[in-house]
PDB file of all heavy atoms in Angstrom:
ATOM      1  N   MET A   1       5.641   1.413  -1.180  1.00  0.00           N
ATOM      2  CA  MET A   1       4.724   1.246  -2.297  1.00  0.00           C
ATOM      3  C   MET A   1       5.495   0.969  -3.584  1.00  0.00           C
ATOM      4  O   MET A   1       5.041   0.192  -4.430  1.00  0.00           O
ATOM      5  CB  MET A   1       3.840   2.483  -2.447  1.00  0.00           C
ATOM      6  CG  MET A   1       2.929   2.756  -1.250  1.00  0.00           C
ATOM      7  SD  MET A   1       1.921   1.324  -0.794  1.00  0.00           S
ATOM      8  CE  MET A   1       0.906   1.131  -2.258  1.00  0.00           C
ATOM      9  N   ASP A   2       6.656   1.588  -3.719  1.00  0.00           N
ATOM     10  CA  ASP A   2       7.501   1.304  -4.874  1.00  0.00           C
ATOM     11  C   ASP A   2       7.951  -0.159  -4.852  1.00  0.00           C
ATOM     12  O   ASP A   2       7.969  -0.836  -5.887  1.00  0.00           O
ATOM     13  CB  ASP A   2       8.729   2.220  -4.878  1.00  0.00           C
ATOM     14  CG  ASP A   2       8.373   3.675  -5.059  1.00  0.00           C
ATOM     15  OD1 ASP A   2       7.492   3.965  -5.894  1.00  0.00           O
ATOM     16  OD2 ASP A   2       8.958   4.530  -4.369  1.00  0.00           O
ATOM     17  N   ALA A   3       8.304  -0.652  -3.648  1.00  0.00           N
ATOM     18  CA  ALA A   3       8.722  -2.052  -3.511  1.00  0.00           C
ATOM     19  C   ALA A   3       7.566  -2.994  -3.797  1.00  0.00           C
ATOM     20  O   ALA A   3       7.738  -4.034  -4.447  1.00  0.00           O
ATOM     21  CB  ALA A   3       9.268  -2.296  -2.104  1.00  0.00           C
ATOM     22  N   LEU A   4       6.384  -2.632  -3.342  1.00  0.00           N
ATOM     23  CA  LEU A   4       5.196  -3.450  -3.568  1.00  0.00           C
ATOM     24  C   LEU A   4       4.939  -3.628  -5.062  1.00  0.00           C
ATOM     25  O   LEU A   4       4.689  -4.741  -5.542  1.00  0.00           O
ATOM     26  CB  LEU A   4       3.992  -2.785  -2.887  1.00  0.00           C
ATOM     27  CG  LEU A   4       2.642  -3.503  -2.974  1.00  0.00           C
ATOM     28  CD1 LEU A   4       2.677  -4.797  -2.190  1.00  0.00           C
ATOM     29  CD2 LEU A   4       1.529  -2.598  -2.456  1.00  0.00           C
ATOM     30  N   MET A   5       5.020  -2.531  -5.777  1.00  0.00           N
ATOM     31  CA  MET A   5       4.783  -2.571  -7.222  1.00  0.00           C
ATOM     32  C   MET A   5       5.904  -3.298  -7.951  1.00  0.00           C
ATOM     33  O   MET A   5       5.656  -4.116  -8.854  1.00  0.00           O
ATOM     34  CB  MET A   5       4.646  -1.142  -7.758  1.00  0.00           C
ATOM     35  CG  MET A   5       3.494  -0.367  -7.178  1.00  0.00           C
ATOM     36  SD  MET A   5       1.877  -1.099  -7.557  1.00  0.00           S
ATOM     37  CE  MET A   5       0.792   0.189  -6.956  1.00  0.00           C
ATOM     38  N   ALA A   6       7.140  -3.022  -7.567  1.00  0.00           N
ATOM     39  CA  ALA A   6       8.286  -3.596  -8.261  1.00  0.00           C
ATOM     40  C   ALA A   6       8.320  -5.115  -8.155  1.00  0.00           C
ATOM     41  O   ALA A   6       8.707  -5.808  -9.102  1.00  0.00           O
ATOM     42  CB  ALA A   6       9.580  -3.010  -7.704  1.00  0.00           C
ATOM     43  N   HIS A   7       7.903  -5.642  -7.007  1.00  0.00           N
ATOM     44  CA  HIS A   7       7.937  -7.086  -6.798  1.00  0.00           C
ATOM     45  C   HIS A   7       6.623  -7.763  -7.185  1.00  0.00           C
ATOM     46  O   HIS A   7       6.505  -8.985  -7.089  1.00  0.00           O
ATOM     47  CB  HIS A   7       8.266  -7.398  -5.334  1.00  0.00           C
ATOM     48  CG  HIS A   7       9.664  -7.013  -4.933  1.00  0.00           C
ATOM     49  ND1 HIS A   7      10.782  -7.654  -5.412  1.00  0.00           N
ATOM     50  CD2 HIS A   7      10.114  -6.034  -4.099  1.00  0.00           C
ATOM     51  CE1 HIS A   7      11.864  -7.107  -4.887  1.00  0.00           C
ATOM     52  NE2 HIS A   7      11.493  -6.112  -4.095  1.00  0.00           N
ATOM     53  N   GLY A   8       5.638  -6.990  -7.598  1.00  0.00           N
ATOM     54  CA  GLY A   8       4.367  -7.551  -8.022  1.00  0.00           C
ATOM     55  C   GLY A   8       3.641  -8.306  -6.923  1.00  0.00           C
ATOM     56  O   GLY A   8       2.987  -9.321  -7.182  1.00  0.00           O
ATOM     57  N   LEU A   9       3.735  -7.804  -5.708  1.00  0.00           N
ATOM     58  CA  LEU A   9       3.129  -8.488  -4.566  1.00  0.00           C
ATOM     59  C   LEU A   9       1.644  -8.178  -4.470  1.00  0.00           C
ATOM     60  O   LEU A   9       1.200  -7.069  -4.779  1.00  0.00           O
ATOM     61  CB  LEU A   9       3.832  -8.070  -3.274  1.00  0.00           C
ATOM     62  CG  LEU A   9       5.334  -8.360  -3.230  1.00  0.00           C
ATOM     63  CD1 LEU A   9       5.956  -7.756  -1.981  1.00  0.00           C
ATOM     64  CD2 LEU A   9       5.587  -9.860  -3.276  1.00  0.00           C
ATOM     65  N   GLU A  10       0.880  -9.149  -4.010  1.00  0.00           N
ATOM     66  CA  GLU A  10      -0.558  -8.968  -3.833  1.00  0.00           C
ATOM     67  C   GLU A  10      -0.982  -9.536  -2.484  1.00  0.00           C
ATOM     68  O   GLU A  10      -0.335 -10.432  -1.932  1.00  0.00           O
ATOM     69  CB  GLU A  10      -1.336  -9.674  -4.946  1.00  0.00           C
ATOM     70  CG  GLU A  10      -1.081  -9.102  -6.340  1.00  0.00           C
ATOM     71  CD  GLU A  10      -1.910  -9.804  -7.397  1.00  0.00           C
ATOM     72  OE1 GLU A  10      -2.543 -10.834  -7.076  1.00  0.00           O
ATOM     73  OE2 GLU A  10      -1.930  -9.320  -8.544  1.00  0.00           O
ATOM     74  N   GLY A  11      -2.067  -8.999  -1.954  1.00  0.00           N
ATOM     75  CA  GLY A  11      -2.578  -9.476  -0.678  1.00  0.00           C
ATOM     76  C   GLY A  11      -4.073  -9.275  -0.584  1.00  0.00           C
ATOM     77  O   GLY A  11      -4.686  -8.602  -1.423  1.00  0.00           O
ATOM     78  N   ASP A  12      -4.662  -9.868   0.449  1.00  0.00           N
ATOM     79  CA  ASP A  12      -6.108  -9.762   0.670  1.00  0.00           C
ATOM     80  C   ASP A  12      -6.446  -8.766   1.769  1.00  0.00           C
ATOM     81  O   ASP A  12      -7.596  -8.342   1.901  1.00  0.00           O
ATOM     82  CB  ASP A  12      -6.670 -11.137   1.051  1.00  0.00           C
ATOM     83  CG  ASP A  12      -6.311 -12.207   0.037  1.00  0.00           C
ATOM     84  OD1 ASP A  12      -6.581 -11.992  -1.161  1.00  0.00           O
ATOM     85  OD2 ASP A  12      -5.742 -13.244   0.440  1.00  0.00           O
ATOM     86  N   VAL A  13      -5.448  -8.397   2.577  1.00  0.00           N
ATOM     87  CA  VAL A  13      -5.643  -7.434   3.654  1.00  0.00           C
ATOM     88  C   VAL A  13      -4.305  -6.760   3.914  1.00  0.00           C
ATOM     89  O   VAL A  13      -3.245  -7.374   3.760  1.00  0.00           O
ATOM     90  CB  VAL A  13      -6.179  -8.123   4.941  1.00  0.00           C
ATOM     91  CG1 VAL A  13      -5.218  -9.202   5.430  1.00  0.00           C
ATOM     92  CG2 VAL A  13      -6.455  -7.109   6.050  1.00  0.00           C
ATOM     93  N   ILE A  14      -4.362  -5.474   4.270  1.00  0.00           N
ATOM     94  CA  ILE A  14      -3.138  -4.693   4.476  1.00  0.00           C
ATOM     95  C   ILE A  14      -3.112  -4.118   5.891  1.00  0.00           C
ATOM     96  O   ILE A  14      -4.127  -3.642   6.407  1.00  0.00           O
ATOM     97  CB  ILE A  14      -3.046  -3.543   3.456  1.00  0.00           C
ATOM     98  CG1 ILE A  14      -2.969  -4.098   2.025  1.00  0.00           C
ATOM     99  CG2 ILE A  14      -1.839  -2.654   3.748  1.00  0.00           C
ATOM    100  CD1 ILE A  14      -3.013  -3.018   0.962  1.00  0.00           C
ATOM    101  N   TYR A  15      -1.931  -4.172   6.498  1.00  0.00           N
ATOM    102  CA  TYR A  15      -1.682  -3.515   7.779  1.00  0.00           C
ATOM    103  C   TYR A  15      -0.514  -2.566   7.568  1.00  0.00           C
ATOM    104  O   TYR A  15       0.517  -2.967   7.012  1.00  0.00           O
ATOM    105  CB  TYR A  15      -1.323  -4.532   8.859  1.00  0.00           C
ATOM    106  CG  TYR A  15      -2.422  -5.517   9.178  1.00  0.00           C
ATOM    107  CD1 TYR A  15      -2.576  -6.683   8.422  1.00  0.00           C
ATOM    108  CD2 TYR A  15      -3.308  -5.293  10.227  1.00  0.00           C
ATOM    109  CE1 TYR A  15      -3.581  -7.597   8.712  1.00  0.00           C
ATOM    110  CE2 TYR A  15      -4.319  -6.200  10.529  1.00  0.00           C
ATOM    111  CZ  TYR A  15      -4.446  -7.346   9.765  1.00  0.00           C
ATOM    112  OH  TYR A  15      -5.447  -8.252  10.057  1.00  0.00           O
ATOM    113  N   ALA A  16      -0.652  -1.314   8.002  1.00  0.00           N
ATOM    114  CA  ALA A  16       0.404  -0.347   7.712  1.00  0.00           C
ATOM    115  C   ALA A  16       0.622   0.613   8.868  1.00  0.00           C
ATOM    116  O   ALA A  16      -0.311   0.980   9.593  1.00  0.00           O
ATOM    117  CB  ALA A  16       0.066   0.440   6.451  1.00  0.00           C
ATOM    118  N   CYS A  17       1.877   1.018   9.026  1.00  0.00           N
ATOM    119  CA  CYS A  17       2.244   2.020  10.015  1.00  0.00           C
ATOM    120  C   CYS A  17       3.426   2.802   9.467  1.00  0.00           C
ATOM    121  O   CYS A  17       4.404   2.213   8.981  1.00  0.00           O
ATOM    122  CB  CYS A  17       2.614   1.363  11.346  1.00  0.00           C
ATOM    123  SG  CYS A  17       3.000   2.552  12.668  1.00  0.00           S
ATOM    124  N   GLY A  18       3.334   4.127   9.514  1.00  0.00           N
ATOM    125  CA  GLY A  18       4.410   4.940   8.986  1.00  0.00           C
ATOM    126  C   GLY A  18       3.995   6.389   8.856  1.00  0.00           C
ATOM    127  O   GLY A  18       2.938   6.801   9.359  1.00  0.00           O
ATOM    128  N   PRO A  19       4.786   7.183   8.151  1.00  0.00           N
ATOM    129  CA  PRO A  19       4.467   8.599   7.979  1.00  0.00           C
ATOM    130  C   PRO A  19       3.201   8.792   7.157  1.00  0.00           C
ATOM    131  O   PRO A  19       2.813   7.926   6.374  1.00  0.00           O
ATOM    132  CB  PRO A  19       5.707   9.154   7.264  1.00  0.00           C
ATOM    133  CG  PRO A  19       6.340   7.971   6.614  1.00  0.00           C
ATOM    134  CD  PRO A  19       6.060   6.811   7.513  1.00  0.00           C
ATOM    135  N   MET A  20       2.580   9.936   7.321  1.00  0.00           N
ATOM    136  CA  MET A  20       1.291  10.193   6.685  1.00  0.00           C
ATOM    137  C   MET A  20       1.300  10.067   5.165  1.00  0.00           C
ATOM    138  O   MET A  20       0.351   9.496   4.594  1.00  0.00           O
ATOM    139  CB  MET A  20       0.771  11.565   7.106  1.00  0.00           C
ATOM    140  CG  MET A  20      -0.677  11.815   6.699  1.00  0.00           C
ATOM    141  SD  MET A  20      -1.834  10.574   7.367  1.00  0.00           S
ATOM    142  CE  MET A  20      -1.843  11.041   9.101  1.00  0.00           C
ATOM    143  N   PRO A  21       2.321  10.557   4.444  1.00  0.00           N
ATOM    144  CA  PRO A  21       2.308  10.367   2.982  1.00  0.00           C
ATOM    145  C   PRO A  21       2.230   8.893   2.588  1.00  0.00           C
ATOM    146  O   PRO A  21       1.551   8.541   1.625  1.00  0.00           O
ATOM    147  CB  PRO A  21       3.627  11.004   2.536  1.00  0.00           C
ATOM    148  CG  PRO A  21       3.920  12.024   3.576  1.00  0.00           C
ATOM    149  CD  PRO A  21       3.451  11.410   4.863  1.00  0.00           C
ATOM    150  N   MET A  22       2.911   8.047   3.331  1.00  0.00           N
ATOM    151  CA  MET A  22       2.860   6.614   3.061  1.00  0.00           C
ATOM    152  C   MET A  22       1.459   6.065   3.321  1.00  0.00           C
ATOM    153  O   MET A  22       0.922   5.292   2.514  1.00  0.00           O
ATOM    154  CB  MET A  22       3.876   5.886   3.938  1.00  0.00           C
ATOM    155  CG  MET A  22       3.819   4.371   3.829  1.00  0.00           C
ATOM    156  SD  MET A  22       4.694   3.574   5.186  1.00  0.00           S
ATOM    157  CE  MET A  22       3.495   2.300   5.611  1.00  0.00           C
ATOM    158  N   LEU A  23       0.850   6.472   4.419  1.00  0.00           N
ATOM    159  CA  LEU A  23      -0.479   5.965   4.753  1.00  0.00           C
ATOM    160  C   LEU A  23      -1.521   6.434   3.745  1.00  0.00           C
ATOM    161  O   LEU A  23      -2.454   5.696   3.422  1.00  0.00           O
ATOM    162  CB  LEU A  23      -0.869   6.403   6.163  1.00  0.00           C
ATOM    163  CG  LEU A  23       0.010   5.864   7.306  1.00  0.00           C
ATOM    164  CD1 LEU A  23      -0.532   6.333   8.651  1.00  0.00           C
ATOM    165  CD2 LEU A  23       0.086   4.338   7.270  1.00  0.00           C
ATOM    166  N   ARG A  24      -1.371   7.643   3.243  1.00  0.00           N
ATOM    167  CA  ARG A  24      -2.280   8.125   2.189  1.00  0.00           C
ATOM    168  C   ARG A  24      -2.162   7.250   0.944  1.00  0.00           C
ATOM    169  O   ARG A  24      -3.161   6.900   0.319  1.00  0.00           O
ATOM    170  CB  ARG A  24      -1.958   9.580   1.831  1.00  0.00           C
ATOM    171  CG  ARG A  24      -2.294  10.586   2.922  1.00  0.00           C
ATOM    172  CD  ARG A  24      -2.232  12.000   2.378  1.00  0.00           C
ATOM    173  NE  ARG A  24      -2.421  12.981   3.430  1.00  0.00           N
ATOM    174  CZ  ARG A  24      -1.432  13.684   3.992  1.00  0.00           C
ATOM    175  NH1 ARG A  24      -0.184  13.510   3.557  1.00  0.00           N
ATOM    176  NH2 ARG A  24      -1.681  14.547   4.943  1.00  0.00           N
ATOM    177  N   ALA A  25      -0.918   6.900   0.601  1.00  0.00           N
ATOM    178  CA  ALA A  25      -0.698   6.054  -0.579  1.00  0.00           C
ATOM    179  C   ALA A  25      -1.290   4.666  -0.365  1.00  0.00           C
ATOM    180  O   ALA A  25      -1.868   4.079  -1.284  1.00  0.00           O
ATOM    181  CB  ALA A  25       0.797   5.959  -0.873  1.00  0.00           C
ATOM    182  N   VAL A  26      -1.153   4.128   0.837  1.00  0.00           N
ATOM    183  CA  VAL A  26      -1.715   2.816   1.151  1.00  0.00           C
ATOM    184  C   VAL A  26      -3.233   2.858   1.057  1.00  0.00           C
ATOM    185  O   VAL A  26      -3.867   1.961   0.488  1.00  0.00           O
ATOM    186  CB  VAL A  26      -1.281   2.341   2.550  1.00  0.00           C
ATOM    187  CG1 VAL A  26      -2.034   1.076   2.948  1.00  0.00           C
ATOM    188  CG2 VAL A  26       0.226   2.098   2.590  1.00  0.00           C
ATOM    189  N   LYS A  27      -3.823   3.915   1.610  1.00  0.00           N
ATOM    190  CA  LYS A  27      -5.286   4.045   1.559  1.00  0.00           C
ATOM    191  C   LYS A  27      -5.775   4.112   0.119  1.00  0.00           C
ATOM    192  O   LYS A  27      -6.762   3.455  -0.247  1.00  0.00           O
ATOM    193  CB  LYS A  27      -5.735   5.293   2.325  1.00  0.00           C
ATOM    194  CG  LYS A  27      -7.246   5.508   2.261  1.00  0.00           C
ATOM    195  CD  LYS A  27      -7.698   6.751   3.012  1.00  0.00           C
ATOM    196  CE  LYS A  27      -9.198   6.937   2.844  1.00  0.00           C
ATOM    197  NZ  LYS A  27      -9.708   8.114   3.579  1.00  0.00           N
ATOM    198  N   HIS A  28      -5.094   4.893  -0.710  1.00  0.00           N
ATOM    199  CA  HIS A  28      -5.480   5.027  -2.116  1.00  0.00           C
ATOM    200  C   HIS A  28      -5.352   3.679  -2.832  1.00  0.00           C
ATOM    201  O   HIS A  28      -6.253   3.266  -3.570  1.00  0.00           O
ATOM    202  CB  HIS A  28      -4.598   6.077  -2.787  1.00  0.00           C
ATOM    203  CG  HIS A  28      -4.899   6.292  -4.237  1.00  0.00           C
ATOM    204  ND1 HIS A  28      -6.038   6.946  -4.672  1.00  0.00           N
ATOM    205  CD2 HIS A  28      -4.225   5.923  -5.356  1.00  0.00           C
ATOM    206  CE1 HIS A  28      -6.050   6.978  -5.992  1.00  0.00           C
ATOM    207  NE2 HIS A  28      -4.962   6.360  -6.428  1.00  0.00           N
ATOM    208  N   TYR A  29      -4.243   2.988  -2.599  1.00  0.00           N
ATOM    209  CA  TYR A  29      -3.991   1.688  -3.224  1.00  0.00           C
ATOM    210  C   TYR A  29      -5.071   0.685  -2.823  1.00  0.00           C
ATOM    211  O   TYR A  29      -5.632  -0.025  -3.666  1.00  0.00           O
ATOM    212  CB  TYR A  29      -2.614   1.191  -2.799  1.00  0.00           C
ATOM    213  CG  TYR A  29      -2.280  -0.221  -3.227  1.00  0.00           C
ATOM    214  CD1 TYR A  29      -1.665  -0.467  -4.455  1.00  0.00           C
ATOM    215  CD2 TYR A  29      -2.553  -1.303  -2.395  1.00  0.00           C
ATOM    216  CE1 TYR A  29      -1.351  -1.768  -4.850  1.00  0.00           C
ATOM    217  CE2 TYR A  29      -2.244  -2.601  -2.785  1.00  0.00           C
ATOM    218  CZ  TYR A  29      -1.645  -2.824  -4.007  1.00  0.00           C
ATOM    219  OH  TYR A  29      -1.344  -4.117  -4.387  1.00  0.00           O
ATOM    220  N   ALA A  30      -5.372   0.614  -1.528  1.00  0.00           N
ATOM    221  CA  ALA A  30      -6.370  -0.340  -1.026  1.00  0.00           C
ATOM    222  C   ALA A  30      -7.765  -0.006  -1.528  1.00  0.00           C
ATOM    223  O   ALA A  30      -8.552  -0.901  -1.878  1.00  0.00           O
ATOM    224  CB  ALA A  30      -6.347  -0.365   0.497  1.00  0.00           C
ATOM    225  N   GLY A  31      -8.073   1.288  -1.594  1.00  0.00           N
ATOM    226  CA  GLY A  31      -9.392   1.703  -2.060  1.00  0.00           C
ATOM    227  C   GLY A  31      -9.623   1.357  -3.513  1.00  0.00           C
ATOM    228  O   GLY A  31     -10.716   0.923  -3.895  1.00  0.00           O
ATOM    229  N   GLU A  32      -8.597   1.526  -4.335  1.00  0.00           N
ATOM    230  CA  GLU A  32      -8.715   1.201  -5.757  1.00  0.00           C
ATOM    231  C   GLU A  32      -8.968  -0.286  -5.986  1.00  0.00           C
ATOM    232  O   GLU A  32      -9.631  -0.677  -6.936  1.00  0.00           O
ATOM    233  CB  GLU A  32      -7.438   1.611  -6.500  1.00  0.00           C
ATOM    234  CG  GLU A  32      -7.316   3.088  -6.797  1.00  0.00           C
ATOM    235  CD  GLU A  32      -6.140   3.381  -7.718  1.00  0.00           C
ATOM    236  OE1 GLU A  32      -5.161   2.598  -7.690  1.00  0.00           O
ATOM    237  OE2 GLU A  32      -6.210   4.371  -8.466  1.00  0.00           O
ATOM    238  N   ARG A  33      -8.424  -1.120  -5.090  1.00  0.00           N
ATOM    239  CA  ARG A  33      -8.518  -2.577  -5.258  1.00  0.00           C
ATOM    240  C   ARG A  33      -9.550  -3.211  -4.332  1.00  0.00           C
ATOM    241  O   ARG A  33      -9.685  -4.436  -4.306  1.00  0.00           O
ATOM    242  CB  ARG A  33      -7.131  -3.199  -5.024  1.00  0.00           C
ATOM    243  CG  ARG A  33      -6.151  -2.829  -6.115  1.00  0.00           C
ATOM    244  CD  ARG A  33      -4.715  -2.970  -5.665  1.00  0.00           C
ATOM    245  NE  ARG A  33      -3.788  -2.657  -6.762  1.00  0.00           N
ATOM    246  CZ  ARG A  33      -3.497  -1.406  -7.125  1.00  0.00           C
ATOM    247  NH1 ARG A  33      -4.062  -0.385  -6.509  1.00  0.00           N
ATOM    248  NH2 ARG A  33      -2.661  -1.188  -8.118  1.00  0.00           N
TER     249      ARG A  33
END
């Protein structure tokens, strides 16, 4: 998520796999947008 923000990347759909803290952050990020 730090890399996503730092590089200013954007997408229309997200696929994620990893530890639970990361997935929580992805869910929050996707929900906000």
